[in-house]
Amino acid sequence: MIELEKKIITVLKNVYDPEIPVNIYDLGLIYEIITDESNVVHITMTLTAPNCPMADELVDDVHSSVKALAEVSNVIVKLTFEPPWDKSMMTEEALLELGLM
């Protein structure tokens, strides 16, 4: 399962918020990744703002990107706004890339 989670993270690092030049994983938009014994992947994620116009597109990108992994049988993406996203959730790399550090 650890190897699959690493692959999932790698895939998620290729999904970008169209309005921000940083991947959604480093932005801190992925709150949780759980893989069950049937290789169903449960992802809890958020957005930078609840009224994000790209919400559906981002959720679809996460779903299709992870589902494309051969080991994954299904993907369930849950969108949440609790806790609300803020800049402290970003990785150091994301902060550097956006000039916030």
PDB file of N, CA and C in Angstrom:
ATOM      1  N   MET A   1       0.821  -1.199   0.000  1.00  0.00           N
ATOM      2  CA  MET A   1       0.000   0.000   0.000  1.00  0.00           C
ATOM      3  C   MET A   1       0.868   1.268   0.000  1.00  0.00           C
ATOM      4  N   ILE A   2       2.016   1.227   0.666  1.00  0.00           N
ATOM      5  CA  ILE A   2       2.895   2.390   0.712  1.00  0.00           C
ATOM      6  C   ILE A   2       3.367   2.735  -0.695  1.00  0.00           C
ATOM      7  N   GLU A   3       3.730   1.720  -1.476  1.00  0.00           N
ATOM      8  CA  GLU A   3       4.181   1.959  -2.846  1.00  0.00           C
ATOM      9  C   GLU A   3       3.079   2.585  -3.689  1.00  0.00           C
ATOM     10  N   LEU A   4       1.858   2.106  -3.519  1.00  0.00           N
ATOM     11  CA  LEU A   4       0.740   2.666  -4.272  1.00  0.00           C
ATOM     12  C   LEU A   4       0.509   4.121  -3.864  1.00  0.00           C
ATOM     13  N   GLU A   5       0.601   4.402  -2.577  1.00  0.00           N
ATOM     14  CA  GLU A   5       0.409   5.784  -2.124  1.00  0.00           C
ATOM     15  C   GLU A   5       1.475   6.705  -2.728  1.00  0.00           C
ATOM     16  N   LYS A   6       2.702   6.224  -2.837  1.00  0.00           N
ATOM     17  CA  LYS A   6       3.764   7.026  -3.467  1.00  0.00           C
ATOM     18  C   LYS A   6       3.422   7.309  -4.930  1.00  0.00           C
ATOM     19  N   LYS A   7       2.899   6.297  -5.627  1.00  0.00           N
ATOM     20  CA  LYS A   7       2.503   6.488  -7.026  1.00  0.00           C
ATOM     21  C   LYS A   7       1.360   7.502  -7.134  1.00  0.00           C
ATOM     22  N   ILE A   8       0.419   7.416  -6.212  1.00  0.00           N
ATOM     23  CA  ILE A   8      -0.714   8.347  -6.208  1.00  0.00           C
ATOM     24  C   ILE A   8      -0.217   9.774  -6.001  1.00  0.00           C
ATOM     25  N   ILE A   9       0.688   9.965  -5.060  1.00  0.00           N
ATOM     26  CA  ILE A   9       1.241  11.296  -4.807  1.00  0.00           C
ATOM     27  C   ILE A   9       1.969  11.814  -6.040  1.00  0.00           C
ATOM     28  N   THR A  10       2.726  10.952  -6.684  1.00  0.00           N
ATOM     29  CA  THR A  10       3.433  11.355  -7.907  1.00  0.00           C
ATOM     30  C   THR A  10       2.444  11.827  -8.967  1.00  0.00           C
ATOM     31  N   VAL A  11       1.355  11.090  -9.131  1.00  0.00           N
ATOM     32  CA  VAL A  11       0.326  11.460 -10.104  1.00  0.00           C
ATOM     33  C   VAL A  11      -0.323  12.789  -9.713  1.00  0.00           C
ATOM     34  N   LEU A  12      -0.611  12.958  -8.430  1.00  0.00           N
ATOM     35  CA  LEU A  12      -1.256  14.192  -7.973  1.00  0.00           C
ATOM     36  C   LEU A  12      -0.347  15.407  -8.148  1.00  0.00           C
ATOM     37  N   LYS A  13       0.959  15.173  -8.132  1.00  0.00           N
ATOM     38  CA  LYS A  13       1.894  16.279  -8.344  1.00  0.00           C
ATOM     39  C   LYS A  13       1.927  16.725  -9.808  1.00  0.00           C
ATOM     40  N   ASN A  14       1.172  16.030 -10.660  1.00  0.00           N
ATOM     41  CA  ASN A  14       1.042  16.428 -12.064  1.00  0.00           C
ATOM     42  C   ASN A  14      -0.306  17.089 -12.350  1.00  0.00           C
ATOM     43  N   VAL A  15      -1.107  17.289 -11.298  1.00  0.00           N
ATOM     44  CA  VAL A  15      -2.393  17.966 -11.435  1.00  0.00           C
ATOM     45  C   VAL A  15      -2.212  19.386 -10.904  1.00  0.00           C
ATOM     46  N   TYR A  16      -2.541  20.354 -11.734  1.00  0.00           N
ATOM     47  CA  TYR A  16      -2.333  21.758 -11.374  1.00  0.00           C
ATOM     48  C   TYR A  16      -3.648  22.516 -11.305  1.00  0.00           C
ATOM     49  N   ASP A  17      -3.714  23.430 -10.354  1.00  0.00           N
ATOM     50  CA  ASP A  17      -4.795  24.393 -10.313  1.00  0.00           C
ATOM     51  C   ASP A  17      -4.537  25.317 -11.503  1.00  0.00           C
ATOM     52  N   PRO A  18      -5.491  25.463 -12.425  1.00  0.00           N
ATOM     53  CA  PRO A  18      -5.246  26.260 -13.626  1.00  0.00           C
ATOM     54  C   PRO A  18      -4.900  27.726 -13.337  1.00  0.00           C
ATOM     55  N   GLU A  19      -5.254  28.198 -12.162  1.00  0.00           N
ATOM     56  CA  GLU A  19      -5.006  29.601 -11.835  1.00  0.00           C
ATOM     57  C   GLU A  19      -3.711  29.821 -11.061  1.00  0.00           C
ATOM     58  N   ILE A  20      -3.078  28.730 -10.621  1.00  0.00           N
ATOM     59  CA  ILE A  20      -1.853  28.831  -9.819  1.00  0.00           C
ATOM     60  C   ILE A  20      -0.828  27.863 -10.404  1.00  0.00           C
ATOM     61  N   PRO A  21       0.390  28.314 -10.677  1.00  0.00           N
ATOM     62  CA  PRO A  21       1.384  27.436 -11.324  1.00  0.00           C
ATOM     63  C   PRO A  21       2.079  26.464 -10.356  1.00  0.00           C
ATOM     64  N   VAL A  22       1.302  25.855  -9.468  1.00  0.00           N
ATOM     65  CA  VAL A  22       1.830  24.892  -8.504  1.00  0.00           C
ATOM     66  C   VAL A  22       0.860  23.712  -8.471  1.00  0.00           C
ATOM     67  N   ASN A  23       1.405  22.497  -8.326  1.00  0.00           N
ATOM     68  CA  ASN A  23       0.529  21.321  -8.305  1.00  0.00           C
ATOM     69  C   ASN A  23      -0.316  21.296  -7.032  1.00  0.00           C
ATOM     70  N   ILE A  24      -1.437  20.586  -7.112  1.00  0.00           N
ATOM     71  CA  ILE A  24      -2.397  20.593  -6.003  1.00  0.00           C
ATOM     72  C   ILE A  24      -1.864  19.913  -4.745  1.00  0.00           C
ATOM     73  N   TYR A  25      -0.939  18.977  -4.911  1.00  0.00           N
ATOM     74  CA  TYR A  25      -0.380  18.305  -3.736  1.00  0.00           C
ATOM     75  C   TYR A  25       0.489  19.286  -2.936  1.00  0.00           C
ATOM     76  N   ASP A  26       1.387  19.985  -3.628  1.00  0.00           N
ATOM     77  CA  ASP A  26       2.255  20.942  -2.941  1.00  0.00           C
ATOM     78  C   ASP A  26       1.491  22.169  -2.451  1.00  0.00           C
ATOM     79  N   LEU A  27       0.357  22.457  -3.079  1.00  0.00           N
ATOM     80  CA  LEU A  27      -0.487  23.545  -2.580  1.00  0.00           C
ATOM     81  C   LEU A  27      -1.150  23.186  -1.251  1.00  0.00           C
ATOM     82  N   GLY A  28      -1.175  21.886  -0.936  1.00  0.00           N
ATOM     83  CA  GLY A  28      -1.816  21.444   0.303  1.00  0.00           C
ATOM     84  C   GLY A  28      -3.306  21.195   0.139  1.00  0.00           C
ATOM     85  N   LEU A  29      -3.743  20.975  -1.091  1.00  0.00           N
ATOM     86  CA  LEU A  29      -5.170  20.748  -1.334  1.00  0.00           C
ATOM     87  C   LEU A  29      -5.604  19.306  -1.064  1.00  0.00           C
ATOM     88  N   ILE A  30      -4.638  18.402  -0.945  1.00  0.00           N
ATOM     89  CA  ILE A  30      -4.958  16.998  -0.659  1.00  0.00           C
ATOM     90  C   ILE A  30      -4.844  16.786   0.848  1.00  0.00           C
ATOM     91  N   TYR A  31      -5.965  16.523   1.483  1.00  0.00           N
ATOM     92  CA  TYR A  31      -5.992  16.344   2.930  1.00  0.00           C
ATOM     93  C   TYR A  31      -5.727  14.890   3.344  1.00  0.00           C
ATOM     94  N   GLU A  32      -6.206  13.943   2.534  1.00  0.00           N
ATOM     95  CA  GLU A  32      -6.080  12.539   2.949  1.00  0.00           C
ATOM     96  C   GLU A  32      -6.141  11.622   1.739  1.00  0.00           C
ATOM     97  N   ILE A  33      -5.311  10.576   1.794  1.00  0.00           N
ATOM     98  CA  ILE A  33      -5.335   9.515   0.781  1.00  0.00           C
ATOM     99  C   ILE A  33      -5.421   8.198   1.545  1.00  0.00           C
ATOM    100  N   ILE A  34      -6.476   7.457   1.293  1.00  0.00           N
ATOM    101  CA  ILE A  34      -6.654   6.149   1.933  1.00  0.00           C
ATOM    102  C   ILE A  34      -6.894   5.123   0.834  1.00  0.00           C
ATOM    103  N   THR A  35      -6.155   4.030   0.892  1.00  0.00           N
ATOM    104  CA  THR A  35      -6.336   2.940  -0.057  1.00  0.00           C
ATOM    105  C   THR A  35      -6.803   1.719   0.718  1.00  0.00           C
ATOM    106  N   ASP A  36      -7.921   1.139   0.306  1.00  0.00           N
ATOM    107  CA  ASP A  36      -8.404  -0.041   1.018  1.00  0.00           C
ATOM    108  C   ASP A  36      -7.846  -1.322   0.403  1.00  0.00           C
ATOM    109  N   GLU A  37      -8.239  -2.452   0.961  1.00  0.00           N
ATOM    110  CA  GLU A  37      -7.692  -3.749   0.532  1.00  0.00           C
ATOM    111  C   GLU A  37      -8.093  -4.120  -0.896  1.00  0.00           C
ATOM    112  N   SER A  38      -9.102  -3.459  -1.437  1.00  0.00           N
ATOM    113  CA  SER A  38      -9.521  -3.700  -2.822  1.00  0.00           C
ATOM    114  C   SER A  38      -8.909  -2.683  -3.786  1.00  0.00           C
ATOM    115  N   ASN A  39      -7.949  -1.908  -3.287  1.00  0.00           N
ATOM    116  CA  ASN A  39      -7.289  -0.847  -4.069  1.00  0.00           C
ATOM    117  C   ASN A  39      -8.252   0.235  -4.542  1.00  0.00           C
ATOM    118  N   VAL A  40      -9.290   0.458  -3.735  1.00  0.00           N
ATOM    119  CA  VAL A  40     -10.146   1.629  -3.945  1.00  0.00           C
ATOM    120  C   VAL A  40      -9.464   2.773  -3.206  1.00  0.00           C
ATOM    121  N   VAL A  41      -9.260   3.874  -3.906  1.00  0.00           N
ATOM    122  CA  VAL A  41      -8.567   5.018  -3.332  1.00  0.00           C
ATOM    123  C   VAL A  41      -9.589   6.077  -2.937  1.00  0.00           C
ATOM    124  N   HIS A  42      -9.525   6.490  -1.683  1.00  0.00           N
ATOM    125  CA  HIS A  42     -10.392   7.538  -1.151  1.00  0.00           C
ATOM    126  C   HIS A  42      -9.520   8.772  -0.941  1.00  0.00           C
ATOM    127  N   ILE A  43      -9.855   9.845  -1.621  1.00  0.00           N
ATOM    128  CA  ILE A  43      -9.089  11.079  -1.517  1.00  0.00           C
ATOM    129  C   ILE A  43      -9.996  12.172  -0.978  1.00  0.00           C
ATOM    130  N   THR A  44      -9.538  12.819   0.082  1.00  0.00           N
ATOM    131  CA  THR A  44     -10.237  13.986   0.608  1.00  0.00           C
ATOM    132  C   THR A  44      -9.405  15.192   0.223  1.00  0.00           C
ATOM    133  N   MET A  45     -10.052  16.135  -0.431  1.00  0.00           N
ATOM    134  CA  MET A  45      -9.324  17.310  -0.909  1.00  0.00           C
ATOM    135  C   MET A  45     -10.154  18.566  -0.686  1.00  0.00           C
ATOM    136  N   THR A  46      -9.502  19.691  -0.871  1.00  0.00           N
ATOM    137  CA  THR A  46     -10.173  20.971  -0.765  1.00  0.00           C
ATOM    138  C   THR A  46      -9.766  21.837  -1.946  1.00  0.00           C
ATOM    139  N   LEU A  47     -10.193  23.067  -1.927  1.00  0.00           N
ATOM    140  CA  LEU A  47      -9.839  24.048  -2.947  1.00  0.00           C
ATOM    141  C   LEU A  47      -9.299  25.284  -2.247  1.00  0.00           C
ATOM    142  N   THR A  48      -8.634  26.137  -2.990  1.00  0.00           N
ATOM    143  CA  THR A  48      -8.094  27.351  -2.368  1.00  0.00           C
ATOM    144  C   THR A  48      -9.211  28.292  -1.924  1.00  0.00           C
ATOM    145  N   ALA A  49     -10.378  28.175  -2.564  1.00  0.00           N
ATOM    146  CA  ALA A  49     -11.544  28.977  -2.180  1.00  0.00           C
ATOM    147  C   ALA A  49     -12.805  28.179  -2.484  1.00  0.00           C
ATOM    148  N   PRO A  50     -13.809  28.258  -1.614  1.00  0.00           N
ATOM    149  CA  PRO A  50     -15.039  27.487  -1.834  1.00  0.00           C
ATOM    150  C   PRO A  50     -15.747  27.816  -3.150  1.00  0.00           C
ATOM    151  N   ASN A  51     -15.593  29.026  -3.651  1.00  0.00           N
ATOM    152  CA  ASN A  51     -16.274  29.413  -4.884  1.00  0.00           C
ATOM    153  C   ASN A  51     -15.376  29.281  -6.112  1.00  0.00           C
ATOM    154  N   CYS A  52     -14.373  28.427  -6.025  1.00  0.00           N
ATOM    155  CA  CYS A  52     -13.432  28.225  -7.127  1.00  0.00           C
ATOM    156  C   CYS A  52     -14.186  27.812  -8.391  1.00  0.00           C
ATOM    157  N   PRO A  53     -14.020  28.564  -9.476  1.00  0.00           N
ATOM    158  CA  PRO A  53     -14.736  28.227 -10.712  1.00  0.00           C
ATOM    159  C   PRO A  53     -14.233  26.947 -11.374  1.00  0.00           C
ATOM    160  N   MET A  54     -13.062  26.462 -10.958  1.00  0.00           N
ATOM    161  CA  MET A  54     -12.484  25.257 -11.555  1.00  0.00           C
ATOM    162  C   MET A  54     -12.715  24.009 -10.703  1.00  0.00           C
ATOM    163  N   ALA A  55     -13.611  24.087  -9.734  1.00  0.00           N
ATOM    164  CA  ALA A  55     -13.817  22.985  -8.791  1.00  0.00           C
ATOM    165  C   ALA A  55     -14.089  21.655  -9.488  1.00  0.00           C
ATOM    166  N   ASP A  56     -15.064  21.630 -10.376  1.00  0.00           N
ATOM    167  CA  ASP A  56     -15.416  20.373 -11.047  1.00  0.00           C
ATOM    168  C   ASP A  56     -14.258  19.832 -11.866  1.00  0.00           C
ATOM    169  N   GLU A  57     -13.558  20.717 -12.556  1.00  0.00           N
ATOM    170  CA  GLU A  57     -12.428  20.301 -13.383  1.00  0.00           C
ATOM    171  C   GLU A  57     -11.310  19.703 -12.525  1.00  0.00           C
ATOM    172  N   LEU A  58     -11.012  20.325 -11.393  1.00  0.00           N
ATOM    173  CA  LEU A  58      -9.947  19.808 -10.521  1.00  0.00           C
ATOM    174  C   LEU A  58     -10.316  18.443  -9.946  1.00  0.00           C
ATOM    175  N   VAL A  59     -11.545  18.298  -9.476  1.00  0.00           N
ATOM    176  CA  VAL A  59     -11.995  17.011  -8.928  1.00  0.00           C
ATOM    177  C   VAL A  59     -11.941  15.942 -10.013  1.00  0.00           C
ATOM    178  N   ASP A  60     -12.386  16.273 -11.217  1.00  0.00           N
ATOM    179  CA  ASP A  60     -12.333  15.318 -12.335  1.00  0.00           C
ATOM    180  C   ASP A  60     -10.888  14.950 -12.678  1.00  0.00           C
ATOM    181  N   ASP A  61      -9.991  15.937 -12.663  1.00  0.00           N
ATOM    182  CA  ASP A  61      -8.574  15.672 -12.953  1.00  0.00           C
ATOM    183  C   ASP A  61      -7.969  14.735 -11.918  1.00  0.00           C
ATOM    184  N   VAL A  62      -8.282  14.962 -10.650  1.00  0.00           N
ATOM    185  CA  VAL A  62      -7.780  14.088  -9.581  1.00  0.00           C
ATOM    186  C   VAL A  62      -8.301  12.670  -9.811  1.00  0.00           C
ATOM    187  N   HIS A  63      -9.598  12.557 -10.026  1.00  0.00           N
ATOM    188  CA  HIS A  63     -10.210  11.239 -10.225  1.00  0.00           C
ATOM    189  C   HIS A  63      -9.585  10.505 -11.411  1.00  0.00           C
ATOM    190  N   SER A  64      -9.537  11.149 -12.567  1.00  0.00           N
ATOM    191  CA  SER A  64      -9.046  10.461 -13.763  1.00  0.00           C
ATOM    192  C   SER A  64      -7.554  10.167 -13.694  1.00  0.00           C
ATOM    193  N   SER A  65      -6.782  11.046 -13.095  1.00  0.00           N
ATOM    194  CA  SER A  65      -5.332  10.823 -12.986  1.00  0.00           C
ATOM    195  C   SER A  65      -5.017   9.624 -12.097  1.00  0.00           C
ATOM    196  N   VAL A  66      -5.678   9.541 -10.959  1.00  0.00           N
ATOM    197  CA  VAL A  66      -5.426   8.420 -10.042  1.00  0.00           C
ATOM    198  C   VAL A  66      -6.021   7.135 -10.600  1.00  0.00           C
ATOM    199  N   LYS A  67      -7.185   7.212 -11.200  1.00  0.00           N
ATOM    200  CA  LYS A  67      -7.842   6.021 -11.770  1.00  0.00           C
ATOM    201  C   LYS A  67      -7.004   5.408 -12.890  1.00  0.00           C
ATOM    202  N   ALA A  68      -6.178   6.204 -13.544  1.00  0.00           N
ATOM    203  CA  ALA A  68      -5.341   5.711 -14.640  1.00  0.00           C
ATOM    204  C   ALA A  68      -4.225   4.776 -14.162  1.00  0.00           C
ATOM    205  N   LEU A  69      -3.940   4.778 -12.871  1.00  0.00           N
ATOM    206  CA  LEU A  69      -2.924   3.854 -12.341  1.00  0.00           C
ATOM    207  C   LEU A  69      -3.455   2.424 -12.424  1.00  0.00           C
ATOM    208  N   ALA A  70      -2.648   1.535 -12.943  1.00  0.00           N
ATOM    209  CA  ALA A  70      -3.073   0.147 -13.164  1.00  0.00           C
ATOM    210  C   ALA A  70      -3.550  -0.551 -11.891  1.00  0.00           C
ATOM    211  N   GLU A  71      -2.925  -0.242 -10.765  1.00  0.00           N
ATOM    212  CA  GLU A  71      -3.260  -0.924  -9.512  1.00  0.00           C
ATOM    213  C   GLU A  71      -4.569  -0.445  -8.886  1.00  0.00           C
ATOM    214  N   VAL A  72      -5.082   0.684  -9.326  1.00  0.00           N
ATOM    215  CA  VAL A  72      -6.257   1.300  -8.709  1.00  0.00           C
ATOM    216  C   VAL A  72      -7.536   0.745  -9.323  1.00  0.00           C
ATOM    217  N   SER A  73      -8.421   0.231  -8.460  1.00  0.00           N
ATOM    218  CA  SER A  73      -9.680  -0.312  -8.961  1.00  0.00           C
ATOM    219  C   SER A  73     -10.774   0.749  -9.061  1.00  0.00           C
ATOM    220  N   ASN A  74     -10.741   1.733  -8.174  1.00  0.00           N
ATOM    221  CA  ASN A  74     -11.718   2.813  -8.213  1.00  0.00           C
ATOM    222  C   ASN A  74     -11.183   3.982  -7.402  1.00  0.00           C
ATOM    223  N   VAL A  75     -11.742   5.164  -7.653  1.00  0.00           N
ATOM    224  CA  VAL A  75     -11.335   6.368  -6.934  1.00  0.00           C
ATOM    225  C   VAL A  75     -12.591   7.087  -6.464  1.00  0.00           C
ATOM    226  N   ILE A  76     -12.586   7.456  -5.203  1.00  0.00           N
ATOM    227  CA  ILE A  76     -13.677   8.244  -4.637  1.00  0.00           C
ATOM    228  C   ILE A  76     -13.063   9.526  -4.106  1.00  0.00           C
ATOM    229  N   VAL A  77     -13.471  10.654  -4.690  1.00  0.00           N
ATOM    230  CA  VAL A  77     -12.936  11.947  -4.284  1.00  0.00           C
ATOM    231  C   VAL A  77     -13.996  12.677  -3.486  1.00  0.00           C
ATOM    232  N   LYS A  78     -13.615  13.089  -2.295  1.00  0.00           N
ATOM    233  CA  LYS A  78     -14.516  13.853  -1.429  1.00  0.00           C
ATOM    234  C   LYS A  78     -13.972  15.268  -1.332  1.00  0.00           C
ATOM    235  N   LEU A  79     -14.807  16.238  -1.651  1.00  0.00           N
ATOM    236  CA  LEU A  79     -14.430  17.639  -1.564  1.00  0.00           C
ATOM    237  C   LEU A  79     -14.922  18.187  -0.228  1.00  0.00           C
ATOM    238  N   THR A  80     -14.027  18.828   0.509  1.00  0.00           N
ATOM    239  CA  THR A  80     -14.391  19.387   1.813  1.00  0.00           C
ATOM    240  C   THR A  80     -13.821  20.791   1.947  1.00  0.00           C
ATOM    241  N   PHE A  81     -14.406  21.550   2.832  1.00  0.00           N
ATOM    242  CA  PHE A  81     -13.886  22.885   3.130  1.00  0.00           C
ATOM    243  C   PHE A  81     -13.600  23.027   4.624  1.00  0.00           C
ATOM    244  N   GLU A  82     -13.513  21.891   5.294  1.00  0.00           N
ATOM    245  CA  GLU A  82     -13.173  21.859   6.722  1.00  0.00           C
ATOM    246  C   GLU A  82     -11.948  20.991   6.916  1.00  0.00           C
ATOM    247  N   PRO A  83     -10.858  21.482   7.401  1.00  0.00           N
ATOM    248  CA  PRO A  83     -10.625  22.895   7.696  1.00  0.00           C
ATOM    249  C   PRO A  83     -10.440  23.681   6.407  1.00  0.00           C
ATOM    250  N   PRO A  84     -10.721  24.981   6.462  1.00  0.00           N
ATOM    251  CA  PRO A  84     -10.514  25.793   5.270  1.00  0.00           C
ATOM    252  C   PRO A  84      -9.035  25.847   4.904  1.00  0.00           C
ATOM    253  N   TRP A  85      -8.755  25.869   3.615  1.00  0.00           N
ATOM    254  CA  TRP A  85      -7.384  25.928   3.137  1.00  0.00           C
ATOM    255  C   TRP A  85      -6.787  27.296   3.442  1.00  0.00           C
ATOM    256  N   ASP A  86      -5.502  27.311   3.788  1.00  0.00           N
ATOM    257  CA  ASP A  86      -4.772  28.572   3.871  1.00  0.00           C
ATOM    258  C   ASP A  86      -3.322  28.318   3.470  1.00  0.00           C
ATOM    259  N   LYS A  87      -2.568  29.369   3.297  1.00  0.00           N
ATOM    260  CA  LYS A  87      -1.201  29.270   2.771  1.00  0.00           C
ATOM    261  C   LYS A  87      -0.272  28.425   3.640  1.00  0.00           C
ATOM    262  N   SER A  88      -0.599  28.262   4.909  1.00  0.00           N
ATOM    263  CA  SER A  88       0.265  27.464   5.786  1.00  0.00           C
ATOM    264  C   SER A  88       0.267  25.991   5.406  1.00  0.00           C
ATOM    265  N   MET A  89      -0.666  25.561   4.568  1.00  0.00           N
ATOM    266  CA  MET A  89      -0.760  24.164   4.150  1.00  0.00           C
ATOM    267  C   MET A  89       0.152  23.845   2.963  1.00  0.00           C
ATOM    268  N   MET A  90       0.749  24.876   2.384  1.00  0.00           N
ATOM    269  CA  MET A  90       1.613  24.698   1.221  1.00  0.00           C
ATOM    270  C   MET A  90       2.982  24.160   1.638  1.00  0.00           C
ATOM    271  N   THR A  91       3.585  23.378   0.747  1.00  0.00           N
ATOM    272  CA  THR A  91       4.943  22.899   1.008  1.00  0.00           C
ATOM    273  C   THR A  91       5.923  24.054   0.824  1.00  0.00           C
ATOM    274  N   GLU A  92       7.123  23.845   1.329  1.00  0.00           N
ATOM    275  CA  GLU A  92       8.172  24.847   1.170  1.00  0.00           C
ATOM    276  C   GLU A  92       8.441  25.121  -0.309  1.00  0.00           C
ATOM    277  N   GLU A  93       8.414  24.059  -1.116  1.00  0.00           N
ATOM    278  CA  GLU A  93       8.648  24.203  -2.547  1.00  0.00           C
ATOM    279  C   GLU A  93       7.607  25.114  -3.193  1.00  0.00           C
ATOM    280  N   ALA A  94       6.347  24.937  -2.797  1.00  0.00           N
ATOM    281  CA  ALA A  94       5.279  25.765  -3.355  1.00  0.00           C
ATOM    282  C   ALA A  94       5.444  27.219  -2.933  1.00  0.00           C
ATOM    283  N   LEU A  95       5.781  27.430  -1.674  1.00  0.00           N
ATOM    284  CA  LEU A  95       5.988  28.797  -1.192  1.00  0.00           C
ATOM    285  C   LEU A  95       7.130  29.477  -1.947  1.00  0.00           C
ATOM    286  N   LEU A  96       8.214  28.725  -2.175  1.00  0.00           N
ATOM    287  CA  LEU A  96       9.345  29.279  -2.920  1.00  0.00           C
ATOM    288  C   LEU A  96       8.943  29.612  -4.354  1.00  0.00           C
ATOM    289  N   GLU A  97       8.234  28.683  -4.992  1.00  0.00           N
ATOM    290  CA  GLU A  97       7.841  28.864  -6.386  1.00  0.00           C
ATOM    291  C   GLU A  97       6.940  30.092  -6.569  1.00  0.00           C
ATOM    292  N   LEU A  98       6.103  30.354  -5.565  1.00  0.00           N
ATOM    293  CA  LEU A  98       5.207  31.491  -5.661  1.00  0.00           C
ATOM    294  C   LEU A  98       5.794  32.777  -5.072  1.00  0.00           C
ATOM    295  N   GLY A  99       7.056  32.685  -4.623  1.00  0.00           N
ATOM    296  CA  GLY A  99       7.728  33.870  -4.075  1.00  0.00           C
ATOM    297  C   GLY A  99       7.185  34.300  -2.736  1.00  0.00           C
ATOM    298  N   LEU A 100       6.668  33.375  -1.959  1.00  0.00           N
ATOM    299  CA  LEU A 100       6.094  33.703  -0.658  1.00  0.00           C
ATOM    300  C   LEU A 100       7.037  33.386   0.495  1.00  0.00           C
ATOM    301  N   MET A 101       8.274  33.051   0.137  1.00  0.00           N
ATOM    302  CA  MET A 101       9.230  32.669   1.171  1.00  0.00           C
ATOM    303  C   MET A 101      10.550  33.352   0.945  1.00  0.00           C
TER     304      MET A 101
END
